[in-house]
């Protein structure tokens, strides 16, 4: 009986743990940058913001880039590091850190 209860307790907590593993960005809300900082970052990069939302624990900017292309930009909520840029045509960009790593090879 004790073994059955242990297994049931494990199974009851497993889905909650799996849901957390799906988040791309994990940062406590207290560490998140404010939305105003997200808007400022977008302006610095020449992006026009249509909407800012939270997806998989990350900030996501829906808008347009300097050339007028529709763009989705995924940002880490605490650092505002650009994690991914996806253009309307399906083209994807890499984070700035990934691109800078290519320059050092």
C-alpha atoms as a PDB file:
ATOM      1  CA  UNK A   1       0.000   0.000   0.000  1.00  0.00           C
ATOM      2  CA  UNK A   2       2.800   2.408   0.883  1.00  0.00           C
ATOM      3  CA  UNK A   3       4.511   1.638  -2.436  1.00  0.00           C
ATOM      4  CA  UNK A   4       1.254   2.339  -4.326  1.00  0.00           C
ATOM      5  CA  UNK A   5       0.831   5.691  -2.574  1.00  0.00           C
ATOM      6  CA  UNK A   6       4.414   6.639  -3.424  1.00  0.00           C
ATOM      7  CA  UNK A   7       3.861   5.820  -7.093  1.00  0.00           C
ATOM      8  CA  UNK A   8       0.564   7.739  -7.147  1.00  0.00           C
ATOM      9  CA  UNK A   9       2.207  10.745  -5.502  1.00  0.00           C
ATOM     10  CA  UNK A  10       4.970  10.663  -8.114  1.00  0.00           C
ATOM     11  CA  UNK A  11       2.514  10.433 -10.995  1.00  0.00           C
ATOM     12  CA  UNK A  12       0.433  13.266  -9.567  1.00  0.00           C
ATOM     13  CA  UNK A  13       3.436  15.602  -9.557  1.00  0.00           C
ATOM     14  CA  UNK A  14       4.913  14.478 -12.879  1.00  0.00           C
ATOM     15  CA  UNK A  15       2.608  16.459 -15.220  1.00  0.00           C
ATOM     16  CA  UNK A  16       3.313  19.669 -13.307  1.00  0.00           C
ATOM     17  CA  UNK A  17       7.044  19.110 -13.659  1.00  0.00           C
ATOM     18  CA  UNK A  18       6.687  18.333 -17.343  1.00  0.00           C
ATOM     19  CA  UNK A  19       4.783  21.581 -17.887  1.00  0.00           C
ATOM     20  CA  UNK A  20       7.632  23.561 -16.336  1.00  0.00           C
ATOM     21  CA  UNK A  21      10.142  21.823 -18.579  1.00  0.00           C
ATOM     22  CA  UNK A  22       8.263  23.118 -21.657  1.00  0.00           C
ATOM     23  CA  UNK A  23       8.967  26.756 -20.772  1.00  0.00           C
ATOM     24  CA  UNK A  24      11.711  28.230 -22.913  1.00  0.00           C
ATOM     25  CA  UNK A  25      12.434  30.972 -20.400  1.00  0.00           C
ATOM     26  CA  UNK A  26      12.415  30.388 -16.703  1.00  0.00           C
ATOM     27  CA  UNK A  27      12.929  33.399 -14.487  1.00  0.00           C
ATOM     28  CA  UNK A  28      11.059  34.429 -11.353  1.00  0.00           C
ATOM     29  CA  UNK A  29       8.597  37.233 -12.092  1.00  0.00           C
ATOM     30  CA  UNK A  30      10.457  39.445  -9.583  1.00  0.00           C
ATOM     31  CA  UNK A  31      13.488  39.324 -11.940  1.00  0.00           C
ATOM     32  CA  UNK A  32      11.586  40.285 -15.096  1.00  0.00           C
ATOM     33  CA  UNK A  33      12.338  43.537 -16.871  1.00  0.00           C
ATOM     34  CA  UNK A  34       9.295  45.838 -17.210  1.00  0.00           C
ATOM     35  CA  UNK A  35       7.351  46.019 -20.471  1.00  0.00           C
ATOM     36  CA  UNK A  36       8.633  49.576 -20.952  1.00  0.00           C
ATOM     37  CA  UNK A  37      12.155  48.139 -21.209  1.00  0.00           C
ATOM     38  CA  UNK A  38      10.915  45.744 -23.910  1.00  0.00           C
ATOM     39  CA  UNK A  39       9.440  48.660 -25.858  1.00  0.00           C
ATOM     40  CA  UNK A  40      12.692  50.603 -25.484  1.00  0.00           C
ATOM     41  CA  UNK A  41      14.720  47.622 -26.757  1.00  0.00           C
ATOM     42  CA  UNK A  42      12.400  47.328 -29.749  1.00  0.00           C
ATOM     43  CA  UNK A  43      12.830  51.017 -30.566  1.00  0.00           C
ATOM     44  CA  UNK A  44      16.630  50.713 -30.307  1.00  0.00           C
ATOM     45  CA  UNK A  45      16.515  47.886 -32.864  1.00  0.00           C
ATOM     46  CA  UNK A  46      14.165  49.728 -35.215  1.00  0.00           C
ATOM     47  CA  UNK A  47      11.226  47.416 -34.575  1.00  0.00           C
ATOM     48  CA  UNK A  48       7.684  48.774 -34.562  1.00  0.00           C
ATOM     49  CA  UNK A  49       5.697  47.002 -31.839  1.00  0.00           C
ATOM     50  CA  UNK A  50       2.184  45.796 -32.597  1.00  0.00           C
ATOM     51  CA  UNK A  51       1.891  43.612 -29.513  1.00  0.00           C
ATOM     52  CA  UNK A  52       3.954  42.310 -26.625  1.00  0.00           C
ATOM     53  CA  UNK A  53       2.888  38.998 -25.159  1.00  0.00           C
ATOM     54  CA  UNK A  54       4.258  36.255 -22.961  1.00  0.00           C
ATOM     55  CA  UNK A  55       4.797  32.877 -24.635  1.00  0.00           C
ATOM     56  CA  UNK A  56       6.459  29.886 -22.961  1.00  0.00           C
ATOM     57  CA  UNK A  57       7.680  32.165 -20.188  1.00  0.00           C
ATOM     58  CA  UNK A  58       9.401  34.541 -22.640  1.00  0.00           C
ATOM     59  CA  UNK A  59       8.482  37.994 -23.856  1.00  0.00           C
ATOM     60  CA  UNK A  60       7.451  37.938 -27.497  1.00  0.00           C
ATOM     61  CA  UNK A  61       7.268  41.049 -29.644  1.00  0.00           C
ATOM     62  CA  UNK A  62       4.979  40.975 -32.678  1.00  0.00           C
ATOM     63  CA  UNK A  63       5.727  43.833 -35.024  1.00  0.00           C
ATOM     64  CA  UNK A  64       7.707  44.952 -38.027  1.00  0.00           C
ATOM     65  CA  UNK A  65      11.413  45.481 -38.627  1.00  0.00           C
ATOM     66  CA  UNK A  66      13.170  48.405 -40.311  1.00  0.00           C
ATOM     67  CA  UNK A  67      12.400  47.002 -43.784  1.00  0.00           C
ATOM     68  CA  UNK A  68       8.705  46.690 -42.914  1.00  0.00           C
ATOM     69  CA  UNK A  69       8.760  42.877 -42.657  1.00  0.00           C
ATOM     70  CA  UNK A  70       6.523  41.300 -40.031  1.00  0.00           C
ATOM     71  CA  UNK A  71       8.665  39.902 -37.247  1.00  0.00           C
ATOM     72  CA  UNK A  72       8.303  37.926 -34.016  1.00  0.00           C
ATOM     73  CA  UNK A  73      11.121  38.411 -31.534  1.00  0.00           C
ATOM     74  CA  UNK A  74      11.484  36.152 -28.501  1.00  0.00           C
ATOM     75  CA  UNK A  75      13.265  37.725 -25.508  1.00  0.00           C
ATOM     76  CA  UNK A  76      14.422  36.350 -22.187  1.00  0.00           C
ATOM     77  CA  UNK A  77      12.264  38.203 -19.626  1.00  0.00           C
ATOM     78  CA  UNK A  78      15.040  38.910 -17.102  1.00  0.00           C
ATOM     79  CA  UNK A  79      17.943  39.785 -19.413  1.00  0.00           C
ATOM     80  CA  UNK A  80      16.045  40.878 -22.546  1.00  0.00           C
ATOM     81  CA  UNK A  81      18.509  38.797 -24.550  1.00  0.00           C
ATOM     82  CA  UNK A  82      17.178  38.156 -28.052  1.00  0.00           C
ATOM     83  CA  UNK A  83      16.629  34.404 -28.207  1.00  0.00           C
ATOM     84  CA  UNK A  84      15.016  34.134 -31.624  1.00  0.00           C
ATOM     85  CA  UNK A  85      13.823  36.304 -34.480  1.00  0.00           C
ATOM     86  CA  UNK A  86      11.254  34.866 -36.857  1.00  0.00           C
ATOM     87  CA  UNK A  87      10.161  36.696 -39.988  1.00  0.00           C
ATOM     88  CA  UNK A  88       6.745  36.354 -41.677  1.00  0.00           C
ATOM     89  CA  UNK A  89       8.266  34.307 -44.511  1.00  0.00           C
ATOM     90  CA  UNK A  90       9.428  31.694 -41.980  1.00  0.00           C
ATOM     91  CA  UNK A  91      13.061  32.798 -42.019  1.00  0.00           C
ATOM     92  CA  UNK A  92      14.619  32.604 -38.575  1.00  0.00           C
ATOM     93  CA  UNK A  93      17.429  34.609 -37.065  1.00  0.00           C
ATOM     94  CA  UNK A  94      19.690  33.654 -34.210  1.00  0.00           C
ATOM     95  CA  UNK A  95      20.371  35.514 -31.035  1.00  0.00           C
ATOM     96  CA  UNK A  96      23.054  38.205 -31.051  1.00  0.00           C
ATOM     97  CA  UNK A  97      25.207  36.057 -28.764  1.00  0.00           C
ATOM     98  CA  UNK A  98      25.096  33.171 -31.277  1.00  0.00           C
ATOM     99  CA  UNK A  99      26.114  35.487 -34.145  1.00  0.00           C
ATOM    100  CA  UNK A 100      28.980  36.997 -32.155  1.00  0.00           C
ATOM    101  CA  UNK A 101      30.220  33.495 -31.414  1.00  0.00           C
ATOM    102  CA  UNK A 102      30.521  32.904 -35.170  1.00  0.00           C
ATOM    103  CA  UNK A 103      32.864  35.904 -35.510  1.00  0.00           C
ATOM    104  CA  UNK A 104      35.383  34.382 -33.116  1.00  0.00           C
ATOM    105  CA  UNK A 105      35.821  31.110 -34.943  1.00  0.00           C
END
